[in-house]
Amino acid sequence: MIYKVLYQTSELDNPRREFTHSLYMDAASSIEARQAVENNTNYEIEFIQELDEKHLEYEKKSPDFKMTEF
């Protein structure tokens, strides 16, 4: 499954929508996706969303869409 992970780059700052970033990754579950991000970055994860086919097609149209591999 493809997951969209919304995160803040610093866990020291208060979360603000303007500074929320996203990454996309392939994982077997949201738990696996969370563990991969936590083990490989210092990001503060806000939300992990599983993308269905239609949502994934929409996200692929964004110029910022890029699959992340750890």
C-alpha atoms as a PDB file:
ATOM      1  CA  MET A   1       0.000   0.000   0.000  1.00  0.00           C
ATOM      2  CA  ILE A   2       1.032   3.586  -0.552  1.00  0.00           C
ATOM      3  CA  TYR A   3       0.933   5.876   2.481  1.00  0.00           C
ATOM      4  CA  LYS A   4       1.056   9.638   2.751  1.00  0.00           C
ATOM      5  CA  VAL A   5       2.929  10.747   5.865  1.00  0.00           C
ATOM      6  CA  LEU A   6       2.334  14.289   7.084  1.00  0.00           C
ATOM      7  CA  TYR A   7       5.099  15.615   9.311  1.00  0.00           C
ATOM      8  CA  GLN A   8       6.872  18.587  10.849  1.00  0.00           C
ATOM      9  CA  THR A   9      10.639  18.831  10.388  1.00  0.00           C
ATOM     10  CA  SER A  10      11.231  19.782  14.024  1.00  0.00           C
ATOM     11  CA  GLU A  11       9.688  18.243  17.105  1.00  0.00           C
ATOM     12  CA  LEU A  12      10.720  21.288  19.147  1.00  0.00           C
ATOM     13  CA  ASP A  13       8.386  23.747  17.399  1.00  0.00           C
ATOM     14  CA  ASN A  14       4.635  23.856  17.793  1.00  0.00           C
ATOM     15  CA  PRO A  15       2.971  22.206  14.781  1.00  0.00           C
ATOM     16  CA  ARG A  16       1.652  24.716  12.238  1.00  0.00           C
ATOM     17  CA  ARG A  17      -0.188  23.916   9.041  1.00  0.00           C
ATOM     18  CA  GLU A  18       2.086  26.231   7.063  1.00  0.00           C
ATOM     19  CA  PHE A  19       5.111  24.083   7.944  1.00  0.00           C
ATOM     20  CA  THR A  20       3.544  20.653   7.423  1.00  0.00           C
ATOM     21  CA  HIS A  21       5.352  18.541   4.821  1.00  0.00           C
ATOM     22  CA  SER A  22       4.420  15.235   3.273  1.00  0.00           C
ATOM     23  CA  LEU A  23       6.171  12.201   1.934  1.00  0.00           C
ATOM     24  CA  TYR A  24       4.862   9.133   0.157  1.00  0.00           C
ATOM     25  CA  MET A  25       6.050   5.618   0.793  1.00  0.00           C
ATOM     26  CA  ASP A  26       5.211   2.013   0.067  1.00  0.00           C
ATOM     27  CA  ALA A  27       4.756  -0.101   3.199  1.00  0.00           C
ATOM     28  CA  ALA A  28       2.834  -3.170   4.317  1.00  0.00           C
ATOM     29  CA  SER A  29       1.004  -1.215   7.043  1.00  0.00           C
ATOM     30  CA  SER A  30       0.793   2.219   8.645  1.00  0.00           C
ATOM     31  CA  ILE A  31       2.771   0.816  11.590  1.00  0.00           C
ATOM     32  CA  GLU A  32       5.595  -0.193   9.259  1.00  0.00           C
ATOM     33  CA  ALA A  33       5.479   3.240   7.604  1.00  0.00           C
ATOM     34  CA  ARG A  34       5.674   4.976  11.008  1.00  0.00           C
ATOM     35  CA  GLN A  35       8.604   2.822  12.113  1.00  0.00           C
ATOM     36  CA  ALA A  36      10.525   3.495   8.895  1.00  0.00           C
ATOM     37  CA  VAL A  37      10.092   7.260   9.224  1.00  0.00           C
ATOM     38  CA  GLU A  38      10.928   7.278  12.937  1.00  0.00           C
ATOM     39  CA  ASN A  39      14.034   5.101  12.435  1.00  0.00           C
ATOM     40  CA  ASN A  40      15.419   7.144   9.526  1.00  0.00           C
ATOM     41  CA  THR A  41      14.500  10.758  10.308  1.00  0.00           C
ATOM     42  CA  ASN A  42      13.978  13.243  13.120  1.00  0.00           C
ATOM     43  CA  TYR A  43      10.548  14.217  11.790  1.00  0.00           C
ATOM     44  CA  GLU A  44       7.556  14.714  14.063  1.00  0.00           C
ATOM     45  CA  ILE A  45       4.803  12.641  12.436  1.00  0.00           C
ATOM     46  CA  GLU A  46       1.354  14.236  12.479  1.00  0.00           C
ATOM     47  CA  PHE A  47      -0.718  11.789  10.456  1.00  0.00           C
ATOM     48  CA  ILE A  48      -0.362   8.714   8.241  1.00  0.00           C
ATOM     49  CA  GLN A  49      -2.976   8.154   5.562  1.00  0.00           C
ATOM     50  CA  GLU A  50      -3.428   5.097   3.354  1.00  0.00           C
ATOM     51  CA  LEU A  51      -4.116   6.201  -0.211  1.00  0.00           C
ATOM     52  CA  ASP A  52      -6.696   4.442  -2.351  1.00  0.00           C
ATOM     53  CA  GLU A  53      -6.321   4.321  -6.153  1.00  0.00           C
ATOM     54  CA  LYS A  54      -8.234   7.527  -6.887  1.00  0.00           C
ATOM     55  CA  HIS A  55      -6.479   9.515  -4.180  1.00  0.00           C
ATOM     56  CA  LEU A  56      -3.088   8.223  -5.339  1.00  0.00           C
ATOM     57  CA  GLU A  57      -3.814   9.269  -8.922  1.00  0.00           C
ATOM     58  CA  TYR A  58      -4.733  12.746  -7.653  1.00  0.00           C
ATOM     59  CA  GLU A  59      -1.531  12.997  -5.575  1.00  0.00           C
ATOM     60  CA  LYS A  60       0.595  11.915  -8.564  1.00  0.00           C
ATOM     61  CA  LYS A  61      -0.530  15.045 -10.426  1.00  0.00           C
ATOM     62  CA  SER A  62       1.269  17.227  -7.868  1.00  0.00           C
ATOM     63  CA  PRO A  63       4.754  18.403  -8.870  1.00  0.00           C
ATOM     64  CA  ASP A  64       5.877  17.593  -5.302  1.00  0.00           C
ATOM     65  CA  PHE A  65       4.921  13.914  -5.548  1.00  0.00           C
ATOM     66  CA  LYS A  66       7.926  11.676  -5.007  1.00  0.00           C
ATOM     67  CA  MET A  67       8.104   8.198  -3.495  1.00  0.00           C
ATOM     68  CA  THR A  68      10.468   7.985  -0.517  1.00  0.00           C
ATOM     69  CA  GLU A  69      12.529   4.894   0.180  1.00  0.00           C
ATOM     70  CA  PHE A  70      14.479   4.221   3.344  1.00  0.00           C
END
